[in-house]
């Protein structure tokens, strides 16, 4: 008869188990609150993909502008400068 728990002990054990279950449910609730919803994740991913695509496009346009600027510099400055200086250098070379 001493091996059997008393009704009070049974109630305490049951309350302990119930408290453990409540704690487990609260922990699960907190973990679910921290988890990102799949739809939100997908929306953020799409937004990030759009931003990356825009940045890549802008980088390509900047590279094209740089090439165009170099071409303009060569065509508008270097070629005429060589055209002016080359005859002068040739005349100075013949004059000595």
PDB file of N, CA and C in Angstrom:
ATOM      1  N   UNK A   1       0.794  -1.183   0.000  1.00  0.00           N
ATOM      2  CA  UNK A   1       0.000   0.000   0.000  1.00  0.00           C
ATOM      3  C   UNK A   1       0.853   1.271   0.000  1.00  0.00           C
ATOM      4  N   UNK A   2       2.038   1.233   0.505  1.00  0.00           N
ATOM      5  CA  UNK A   2       2.892   2.409   0.551  1.00  0.00           C
ATOM      6  C   UNK A   2       3.465   2.738  -0.823  1.00  0.00           C
ATOM      7  N   UNK A   3       3.453   1.787  -1.775  1.00  0.00           N
ATOM      8  CA  UNK A   3       3.952   2.031  -3.126  1.00  0.00           C
ATOM      9  C   UNK A   3       3.003   2.871  -3.973  1.00  0.00           C
ATOM     10  N   UNK A   4       1.751   2.889  -3.613  1.00  0.00           N
ATOM     11  CA  UNK A   4       0.760   3.644  -4.383  1.00  0.00           C
ATOM     12  C   UNK A   4       0.800   5.115  -3.968  1.00  0.00           C
ATOM     13  N   UNK A   5       0.765   6.027  -4.968  1.00  0.00           N
ATOM     14  CA  UNK A   5       0.785   7.448  -4.626  1.00  0.00           C
ATOM     15  C   UNK A   5      -0.535   7.890  -4.014  1.00  0.00           C
ATOM     16  N   UNK A   6      -0.449   8.884  -3.193  1.00  0.00           N
ATOM     17  CA  UNK A   6      -1.660   9.426  -2.580  1.00  0.00           C
ATOM     18  C   UNK A   6      -2.362  10.305  -3.600  1.00  0.00           C
ATOM     19  N   UNK A   7      -3.634  10.576  -3.391  1.00  0.00           N
ATOM     20  CA  UNK A   7      -4.347  11.453  -4.324  1.00  0.00           C
ATOM     21  C   UNK A   7      -3.694  12.836  -4.434  1.00  0.00           C
ATOM     22  N   UNK A   8      -3.170  13.366  -3.365  1.00  0.00           N
ATOM     23  CA  UNK A   8      -2.496  14.667  -3.421  1.00  0.00           C
ATOM     24  C   UNK A   8      -1.240  14.606  -4.274  1.00  0.00           C
ATOM     25  N   UNK A   9      -0.493  13.505  -4.137  1.00  0.00           N
ATOM     26  CA  UNK A   9       0.715  13.338  -4.950  1.00  0.00           C
ATOM     27  C   UNK A   9       0.366  13.180  -6.424  1.00  0.00           C
ATOM     28  N   UNK A  10      -0.707  12.489  -6.698  1.00  0.00           N
ATOM     29  CA  UNK A  10      -1.166  12.332  -8.084  1.00  0.00           C
ATOM     30  C   UNK A  10      -1.530  13.694  -8.691  1.00  0.00           C
ATOM     31  N   UNK A  11      -2.197  14.525  -7.895  1.00  0.00           N
ATOM     32  CA  UNK A  11      -2.578  15.856  -8.370  1.00  0.00           C
ATOM     33  C   UNK A  11      -1.320  16.682  -8.640  1.00  0.00           C
ATOM     34  N   UNK A  12      -0.327  16.624  -7.741  1.00  0.00           N
ATOM     35  CA  UNK A  12       0.918  17.369  -7.936  1.00  0.00           C
ATOM     36  C   UNK A  12       1.634  16.902  -9.208  1.00  0.00           C
ATOM     37  N   UNK A  13       1.712  15.600  -9.396  1.00  0.00           N
ATOM     38  CA  UNK A  13       2.370  15.072 -10.616  1.00  0.00           C
ATOM     39  C   UNK A  13       1.633  15.522 -11.867  1.00  0.00           C
ATOM     40  N   UNK A  14       0.309  15.474 -11.817  1.00  0.00           N
ATOM     41  CA  UNK A  14      -0.489  15.901 -12.960  1.00  0.00           C
ATOM     42  C   UNK A  14      -0.290  17.396 -13.229  1.00  0.00           C
ATOM     43  N   UNK A  15      -0.242  18.214 -12.182  1.00  0.00           N
ATOM     44  CA  UNK A  15      -0.014  19.644 -12.343  1.00  0.00           C
ATOM     45  C   UNK A  15       1.381  19.913 -12.906  1.00  0.00           C
ATOM     46  N   UNK A  16       2.378  19.140 -12.461  1.00  0.00           N
ATOM     47  CA  UNK A  16       3.735  19.283 -13.002  1.00  0.00           C
ATOM     48  C   UNK A  16       3.762  18.971 -14.496  1.00  0.00           C
ATOM     49  N   UNK A  17       3.112  17.893 -14.857  1.00  0.00           N
ATOM     50  CA  UNK A  17       3.065  17.521 -16.284  1.00  0.00           C
ATOM     51  C   UNK A  17       2.316  18.566 -17.096  1.00  0.00           C
ATOM     52  N   UNK A  18       1.254  19.076 -16.545  1.00  0.00           N
ATOM     53  CA  UNK A  18       0.475  20.106 -17.233  1.00  0.00           C
ATOM     54  C   UNK A  18       1.323  21.381 -17.394  1.00  0.00           C
ATOM     55  N   UNK A  19       2.088  21.749 -16.382  1.00  0.00           N
ATOM     56  CA  UNK A  19       2.972  22.918 -16.484  1.00  0.00           C
ATOM     57  C   UNK A  19       4.035  22.673 -17.550  1.00  0.00           C
ATOM     58  N   UNK A  20       4.579  21.460 -17.622  1.00  0.00           N
ATOM     59  CA  UNK A  20       5.566  21.135 -18.656  1.00  0.00           C
ATOM     60  C   UNK A  20       4.961  21.277 -20.044  1.00  0.00           C
ATOM     61  N   UNK A  21       3.735  20.799 -20.216  1.00  0.00           N
ATOM     62  CA  UNK A  21       3.064  20.893 -21.513  1.00  0.00           C
ATOM     63  C   UNK A  21       2.827  22.359 -21.869  1.00  0.00           C
ATOM     64  N   UNK A  22       2.417  23.171 -20.884  1.00  0.00           N
ATOM     65  CA  UNK A  22       2.204  24.601 -21.142  1.00  0.00           C
ATOM     66  C   UNK A  22       3.505  25.275 -21.568  1.00  0.00           C
ATOM     67  N   UNK A  23       4.599  24.950 -20.877  1.00  0.00           N
ATOM     68  CA  UNK A  23       5.899  25.528 -21.245  1.00  0.00           C
ATOM     69  C   UNK A  23       6.290  25.126 -22.663  1.00  0.00           C
ATOM     70  N   UNK A  24       6.065  23.865 -22.994  1.00  0.00           N
ATOM     71  CA  UNK A  24       6.395  23.398 -24.348  1.00  0.00           C
ATOM     72  C   UNK A  24       5.569  24.132 -25.397  1.00  0.00           C
ATOM     73  N   UNK A  25       4.297  24.339 -25.110  1.00  0.00           N
ATOM     74  CA  UNK A  25       3.425  25.045 -26.060  1.00  0.00           C
ATOM     75  C   UNK A  25       3.873  26.494 -26.205  1.00  0.00           C
ATOM     76  N   UNK A  26       4.260  27.139 -25.102  1.00  0.00           N
ATOM     77  CA  UNK A  26       4.745  28.518 -25.175  1.00  0.00           C
ATOM     78  C   UNK A  26       6.037  28.601 -25.985  1.00  0.00           C
ATOM     79  N   UNK A  27       6.934  27.648 -25.804  1.00  0.00           N
ATOM     80  CA  UNK A  27       8.182  27.631 -26.571  1.00  0.00           C
ATOM     81  C   UNK A  27       7.896  27.454 -28.054  1.00  0.00           C
ATOM     82  N   UNK A  28       6.964  26.548 -28.382  1.00  0.00           N
ATOM     83  CA  UNK A  28       6.589  26.365 -29.785  1.00  0.00           C
ATOM     84  C   UNK A  28       5.993  27.649 -30.361  1.00  0.00           C
ATOM     85  N   UNK A  29       5.168  28.325 -29.575  1.00  0.00           N
ATOM     86  CA  UNK A  29       4.583  29.588 -30.025  1.00  0.00           C
ATOM     87  C   UNK A  29       5.646  30.631 -30.301  1.00  0.00           C
ATOM     88  N   UNK A  30       6.654  30.734 -29.419  1.00  0.00           N
ATOM     89  CA  UNK A  30       7.734  31.695 -29.637  1.00  0.00           C
ATOM     90  C   UNK A  30       8.533  31.347 -30.882  1.00  0.00           C
ATOM     91  N   UNK A  31       8.783  30.062 -31.086  1.00  0.00           N
ATOM     92  CA  UNK A  31       9.536  29.645 -32.269  1.00  0.00           C
ATOM     93  C   UNK A  31       8.753  29.943 -33.541  1.00  0.00           C
ATOM     94  N   UNK A  32       7.433  29.738 -33.492  1.00  0.00           N
ATOM     95  CA  UNK A  32       6.612  30.045 -34.667  1.00  0.00           C
ATOM     96  C   UNK A  32       6.574  31.545 -34.937  1.00  0.00           C
ATOM     97  N   UNK A  33       6.586  32.350 -33.867  1.00  0.00           N
ATOM     98  CA  UNK A  33       6.591  33.807 -34.044  1.00  0.00           C
ATOM     99  C   UNK A  33       7.882  34.281 -34.694  1.00  0.00           C
ATOM    100  N   UNK A  34       8.985  33.597 -34.419  1.00  0.00           N
ATOM    101  CA  UNK A  34      10.265  33.982 -34.999  1.00  0.00           C
ATOM    102  C   UNK A  34      10.402  33.538 -36.443  1.00  0.00           C
ATOM    103  N   UNK A  35       9.658  32.543 -36.829  1.00  0.00           N
ATOM    104  CA  UNK A  35       9.769  32.006 -38.179  1.00  0.00           C
ATOM    105  C   UNK A  35       9.086  32.944 -39.177  1.00  0.00           C
ATOM    106  N   UNK A  36       9.712  33.153 -40.330  1.00  0.00           N
ATOM    107  CA  UNK A  36       9.173  34.044 -41.365  1.00  0.00           C
ATOM    108  C   UNK A  36       8.189  33.256 -42.229  1.00  0.00           C
ATOM    109  N   UNK A  37       7.066  33.884 -42.481  1.00  0.00           N
ATOM    110  CA  UNK A  37       6.056  33.263 -43.332  1.00  0.00           C
ATOM    111  C   UNK A  37       6.616  33.115 -44.752  1.00  0.00           C
ATOM    112  N   UNK A  38       6.279  32.042 -45.421  1.00  0.00           N
ATOM    113  CA  UNK A  38       6.801  31.760 -46.761  1.00  0.00           C
ATOM    114  C   UNK A  38       6.433  32.862 -47.754  1.00  0.00           C
ATOM    115  N   UNK A  39       5.235  33.411 -47.632  1.00  0.00           N
ATOM    116  CA  UNK A  39       4.820  34.484 -48.542  1.00  0.00           C
ATOM    117  C   UNK A  39       5.672  35.735 -48.348  1.00  0.00           C
ATOM    118  N   UNK A  40       5.962  36.057 -47.085  1.00  0.00           N
ATOM    119  CA  UNK A  40       6.804  37.220 -46.813  1.00  0.00           C
ATOM    120  C   UNK A  40       8.205  36.974 -47.357  1.00  0.00           C
ATOM    121  N   UNK A  41       8.710  35.755 -47.146  1.00  0.00           N
ATOM    122  CA  UNK A  41      10.038  35.406 -47.670  1.00  0.00           C
ATOM    123  C   UNK A  41      10.063  35.554 -49.186  1.00  0.00           C
ATOM    124  N   UNK A  42       9.026  35.042 -49.856  1.00  0.00           N
ATOM    125  CA  UNK A  42       8.974  35.140 -51.317  1.00  0.00           C
ATOM    126  C   UNK A  42       8.924  36.602 -51.775  1.00  0.00           C
ATOM    127  N   UNK A  43       8.141  37.438 -51.089  1.00  0.00           N
ATOM    128  CA  UNK A  43       8.053  38.855 -51.452  1.00  0.00           C
ATOM    129  C   UNK A  43       9.400  39.552 -51.266  1.00  0.00           C
ATOM    130  N   UNK A  44      10.069  39.251 -50.158  1.00  0.00           N
ATOM    131  CA  UNK A  44      11.384  39.857 -49.925  1.00  0.00           C
ATOM    132  C   UNK A  44      12.383  39.385 -50.974  1.00  0.00           C
ATOM    133  N   UNK A  45      12.304  38.113 -51.327  1.00  0.00           N
ATOM    134  CA  UNK A  45      13.220  37.572 -52.335  1.00  0.00           C
ATOM    135  C   UNK A  45      12.984  38.245 -53.688  1.00  0.00           C
ATOM    136  N   UNK A  46      11.725  38.416 -54.064  1.00  0.00           N
ATOM    137  CA  UNK A  46      11.404  39.085 -55.330  1.00  0.00           C
ATOM    138  C   UNK A  46      11.893  40.535 -55.314  1.00  0.00           C
ATOM    139  N   UNK A  47      11.706  41.225 -54.195  1.00  0.00           N
ATOM    140  CA  UNK A  47      12.157  42.613 -54.099  1.00  0.00           C
ATOM    141  C   UNK A  47      13.676  42.691 -54.212  1.00  0.00           C
ATOM    142  N   UNK A  48      14.354  41.784 -53.545  1.00  0.00           N
ATOM    143  CA  UNK A  48      15.820  41.777 -53.608  1.00  0.00           C
ATOM    144  C   UNK A  48      16.299  41.445 -55.013  1.00  0.00           C
ATOM    145  N   UNK A  49      15.649  40.505 -55.664  1.00  0.00           N
ATOM    146  CA  UNK A  49      16.005  40.157 -57.039  1.00  0.00           C
ATOM    147  C   UNK A  49      15.804  41.353 -57.959  1.00  0.00           C
ATOM    148  N   UNK A  50      14.725  42.090 -57.767  1.00  0.00           N
ATOM    149  CA  UNK A  50      14.480  43.296 -58.571  1.00  0.00           C
ATOM    150  C   UNK A  50      15.545  44.357 -58.355  1.00  0.00           C
ATOM    151  N   UNK A  51      15.960  44.539 -57.090  1.00  0.00           N
ATOM    152  CA  UNK A  51      17.000  45.530 -56.801  1.00  0.00           C
ATOM    153  C   UNK A  51      18.319  45.126 -57.443  1.00  0.00           C
ATOM    154  N   UNK A  52      18.667  43.851 -57.350  1.00  0.00           N
ATOM    155  CA  UNK A  52      19.920  43.384 -57.946  1.00  0.00           C
ATOM    156  C   UNK A  52      19.883  43.568 -59.452  1.00  0.00           C
ATOM    157  N   UNK A  53      18.751  43.245 -60.063  1.00  0.00           N
ATOM    158  CA  UNK A  53      18.606  43.408 -61.506  1.00  0.00           C
ATOM    159  C   UNK A  53      18.760  44.877 -61.906  1.00  0.00           C
ATOM    160  N   UNK A  54      18.160  45.771 -61.139  1.00  0.00           N
ATOM    161  CA  UNK A  54      18.276  47.201 -61.418  1.00  0.00           C
ATOM    162  C   UNK A  54      19.722  47.667 -61.294  1.00  0.00           C
ATOM    163  N   UNK A  55      20.399  47.218 -60.245  1.00  0.00           N
ATOM    164  CA  UNK A  55      21.805  47.603 -60.059  1.00  0.00           C
ATOM    165  C   UNK A  55      22.687  47.073 -61.187  1.00  0.00           C
ATOM    166  N   UNK A  56      22.422  45.859 -61.639  1.00  0.00           N
ATOM    167  CA  UNK A  56      23.200  45.312 -62.751  1.00  0.00           C
ATOM    168  C   UNK A  56      22.977  46.122 -64.018  1.00  0.00           C
ATOM    169  N   UNK A  57      21.734  46.510 -64.268  1.00  0.00           N
ATOM    170  CA  UNK A  57      21.423  47.323 -65.441  1.00  0.00           C
ATOM    171  C   UNK A  57      22.137  48.675 -65.361  1.00  0.00           C
ATOM    172  N   UNK A  58      22.105  49.295 -64.186  1.00  0.00           N
ATOM    173  CA  UNK A  58      22.785  50.581 -64.022  1.00  0.00           C
ATOM    174  C   UNK A  58      24.290  50.443 -64.211  1.00  0.00           C
ATOM    175  N   UNK A  59      24.861  49.355 -63.733  1.00  0.00           N
ATOM    176  CA  UNK A  59      26.299  49.133 -63.897  1.00  0.00           C
ATOM    177  C   UNK A  59      26.652  48.965 -65.371  1.00  0.00           C
ATOM    178  N   UNK A  60      25.821  48.251 -66.106  1.00  0.00           N
ATOM    179  CA  UNK A  60      26.061  48.083 -67.546  1.00  0.00           C
ATOM    180  C   UNK A  60      25.968  49.426 -68.269  1.00  0.00           C
ATOM    181  N   UNK A  61      24.989  50.246 -67.901  1.00  0.00           N
ATOM    182  CA  UNK A  61      24.855  51.568 -68.525  1.00  0.00           C
ATOM    183  C   UNK A  61      26.062  52.442 -68.202  1.00  0.00           C
ATOM    184  N   UNK A  62      26.537  52.369 -66.968  1.00  0.00           N
ATOM    185  CA  UNK A  62      27.729  53.139 -66.598  1.00  0.00           C
ATOM    186  C   UNK A  62      28.944  52.686 -67.393  1.00  0.00           C
ATOM    187  N   UNK A  63      29.076  51.378 -67.603  1.00  0.00           N
ATOM    188  CA  UNK A  63      30.200  50.862 -68.394  1.00  0.00           C
ATOM    189  C   UNK A  63      30.099  51.360 -69.832  1.00  0.00           C
ATOM    190  N   UNK A  64      28.879  51.385 -70.382  1.00  0.00           N
ATOM    191  CA  UNK A  64      28.684  51.890 -71.744  1.00  0.00           C
ATOM    192  C   UNK A  64      29.024  53.381 -71.828  1.00  0.00           C
ATOM    193  N   UNK A  65      28.655  54.140 -70.808  1.00  0.00           N
ATOM    194  CA  UNK A  65      28.982  55.566 -70.793  1.00  0.00           C
ATOM    195  C   UNK A  65      30.489  55.775 -70.725  1.00  0.00           C
ATOM    196  N   UNK A  66      31.167  54.945 -69.966  1.00  0.00           N
ATOM    197  CA  UNK A  66      32.622  55.052 -69.861  1.00  0.00           C
ATOM    198  C   UNK A  66      33.287  54.785 -71.204  1.00  0.00           C
ATOM    199  N   UNK A  67      32.807  53.757 -71.908  1.00  0.00           N
ATOM    200  CA  UNK A  67      33.355  53.458 -73.238  1.00  0.00           C
ATOM    201  C   UNK A  67      33.079  54.608 -74.191  1.00  0.00           C
ATOM    202  N   UNK A  68      31.869  55.159 -74.143  1.00  0.00           N
ATOM    203  CA  UNK A  68      31.527  56.283 -75.022  1.00  0.00           C
ATOM    204  C   UNK A  68      32.389  57.507 -74.705  1.00  0.00           C
ATOM    205  N   UNK A  69      32.660  57.748 -73.433  1.00  0.00           N
ATOM    206  CA  UNK A  69      33.498  58.880 -73.052  1.00  0.00           C
ATOM    207  C   UNK A  69      34.919  58.697 -73.561  1.00  0.00           C
ATOM    208  N   UNK A  70      35.435  57.483 -73.450  1.00  0.00           N
ATOM    209  CA  UNK A  70      36.784  57.214 -73.974  1.00  0.00           C
ATOM    210  C   UNK A  70      36.841  57.422 -75.482  1.00  0.00           C
ATOM    211  N   UNK A  71      35.826  56.956 -76.175  1.00  0.00           N
ATOM    212  CA  UNK A  71      35.797  57.142 -77.630  1.00  0.00           C
ATOM    213  C   UNK A  71      35.743  58.631 -77.977  1.00  0.00           C
ATOM    214  N   UNK A  72      34.919  59.370 -77.245  1.00  0.00           N
ATOM    215  CA  UNK A  72      34.815  60.800 -77.496  1.00  0.00           C
ATOM    216  C   UNK A  72      36.151  61.483 -77.232  1.00  0.00           C
ATOM    217  N   UNK A  73      36.808  61.096 -76.119  1.00  0.00           N
ATOM    218  CA  UNK A  73      38.090  61.697 -75.775  1.00  0.00           C
ATOM    219  C   UNK A  73      39.120  61.447 -76.870  1.00  0.00           C
ATOM    220  N   UNK A  74      39.165  60.233 -77.360  1.00  0.00           N
ATOM    221  CA  UNK A  74      40.114  59.910 -78.434  1.00  0.00           C
ATOM    222  C   UNK A  74      39.758  60.670 -79.706  1.00  0.00           C
ATOM    223  N   UNK A  75      38.478  60.666 -80.071  1.00  0.00           N
ATOM    224  CA  UNK A  75      38.056  61.316 -81.310  1.00  0.00           C
ATOM    225  C   UNK A  75      38.121  62.825 -81.268  1.00  0.00           C
ATOM    226  N   UNK A  76      37.798  63.424 -80.153  1.00  0.00           N
ATOM    227  CA  UNK A  76      37.702  64.877 -80.091  1.00  0.00           C
ATOM    228  C   UNK A  76      38.976  65.551 -79.596  1.00  0.00           C
ATOM    229  N   UNK A  77      39.829  64.833 -78.880  1.00  0.00           N
ATOM    230  CA  UNK A  77      40.999  65.486 -78.304  1.00  0.00           C
ATOM    231  C   UNK A  77      42.292  64.901 -78.850  1.00  0.00           C
ATOM    232  N   UNK A  78      42.464  63.609 -78.753  1.00  0.00           N
ATOM    233  CA  UNK A  78      43.745  62.997 -79.094  1.00  0.00           C
ATOM    234  C   UNK A  78      44.034  63.075 -80.592  1.00  0.00           C
ATOM    235  N   UNK A  79      43.084  62.699 -81.417  1.00  0.00           N
ATOM    236  CA  UNK A  79      43.316  62.696 -82.867  1.00  0.00           C
ATOM    237  C   UNK A  79      43.622  64.112 -83.383  1.00  0.00           C
ATOM    238  N   UNK A  80      42.837  65.130 -83.051  1.00  0.00           N
ATOM    239  CA  UNK A  80      43.199  66.478 -83.523  1.00  0.00           C
ATOM    240  C   UNK A  80      44.542  66.955 -82.969  1.00  0.00           C
ATOM    241  N   UNK A  81      44.836  66.617 -81.733  1.00  0.00           N
ATOM    242  CA  UNK A  81      46.111  67.008 -81.146  1.00  0.00           C
ATOM    243  C   UNK A  81      47.276  66.377 -81.893  1.00  0.00           C
ATOM    244  N   UNK A  82      47.155  65.094 -82.215  1.00  0.00           N
ATOM    245  CA  UNK A  82      48.193  64.420 -83.004  1.00  0.00           C
ATOM    246  C   UNK A  82      48.273  65.054 -84.388  1.00  0.00           C
ATOM    247  N   UNK A  83      47.116  65.401 -84.961  1.00  0.00           N
ATOM    248  CA  UNK A  83      47.095  66.034 -86.280  1.00  0.00           C
ATOM    249  C   UNK A  83      47.800  67.381 -86.275  1.00  0.00           C
ATOM    250  N   UNK A  84      47.753  68.075 -85.182  1.00  0.00           N
ATOM    251  CA  UNK A  84      48.424  69.375 -85.090  1.00  0.00           C
ATOM    252  C   UNK A  84      49.908  69.206 -84.765  1.00  0.00           C
ATOM    253  N   UNK A  85      50.220  68.338 -83.830  1.00  0.00           N
ATOM    254  CA  UNK A  85      51.600  68.190 -83.375  1.00  0.00           C
ATOM    255  C   UNK A  85      52.484  67.416 -84.347  1.00  0.00           C
ATOM    256  N   UNK A  86      51.945  66.488 -85.084  1.00  0.00           N
ATOM    257  CA  UNK A  86      52.754  65.674 -85.997  1.00  0.00           C
ATOM    258  C   UNK A  86      53.438  66.528 -87.072  1.00  0.00           C
ATOM    259  N   UNK A  87      52.735  67.433 -87.755  1.00  0.00           N
ATOM    260  CA  UNK A  87      53.439  68.284 -88.734  1.00  0.00           C
ATOM    261  C   UNK A  87      54.497  69.174 -88.082  1.00  0.00           C
ATOM    262  N   UNK A  88      54.212  69.662 -86.889  1.00  0.00           N
ATOM    263  CA  UNK A  88      55.188  70.505 -86.205  1.00  0.00           C
ATOM    264  C   UNK A  88      56.438  69.702 -85.886  1.00  0.00           C
ATOM    265  N   UNK A  89      56.259  68.488 -85.398  1.00  0.00           N
ATOM    266  CA  UNK A  89      57.395  67.634 -85.071  1.00  0.00           C
ATOM    267  C   UNK A  89      58.178  67.291 -86.340  1.00  0.00           C
ATOM    268  N   UNK A  90      57.491  67.028 -87.437  1.00  0.00           N
ATOM    269  CA  UNK A  90      58.164  66.710 -88.699  1.00  0.00           C
ATOM    270  C   UNK A  90      58.966  67.924 -89.223  1.00  0.00           C
ATOM    271  N   UNK A  91      58.354  69.119 -89.116  1.00  0.00           N
ATOM    272  CA  UNK A  91      59.064  70.320 -89.555  1.00  0.00           C
ATOM    273  C   UNK A  91      60.299  70.598 -88.702  1.00  0.00           C
ATOM    274  N   UNK A  92      60.171  70.385 -87.394  1.00  0.00           N
ATOM    275  CA  UNK A  92      61.312  70.592 -86.522  1.00  0.00           C
ATOM    276  C   UNK A  92      62.409  69.549 -86.783  1.00  0.00           C
ATOM    277  N   UNK A  93      61.995  68.355 -87.114  1.00  0.00           N
ATOM    278  CA  UNK A  93      62.963  67.298 -87.418  1.00  0.00           C
ATOM    279  C   UNK A  93      63.716  67.571 -88.706  1.00  0.00           C
ATOM    280  N   UNK A  94      63.090  68.153 -89.707  1.00  0.00           N
ATOM    281  CA  UNK A  94      63.736  68.456 -90.979  1.00  0.00           C
ATOM    282  C   UNK A  94      64.609  69.700 -90.867  1.00  0.00           C
ATOM    283  N   UNK A  95      64.231  70.589 -89.983  1.00  0.00           N
ATOM    284  CA  UNK A  95      64.930  71.856 -89.863  1.00  0.00           C
ATOM    285  C   UNK A  95      66.307  71.723 -89.241  1.00  0.00           C
ATOM    286  N   UNK A  96      66.599  70.680 -88.564  1.00  0.00           N
ATOM    287  CA  UNK A  96      67.915  70.598 -87.925  1.00  0.00           C
ATOM    288  C   UNK A  96      68.936  69.930 -88.750  1.00  0.00           C
TER     289      UNK A  96
END
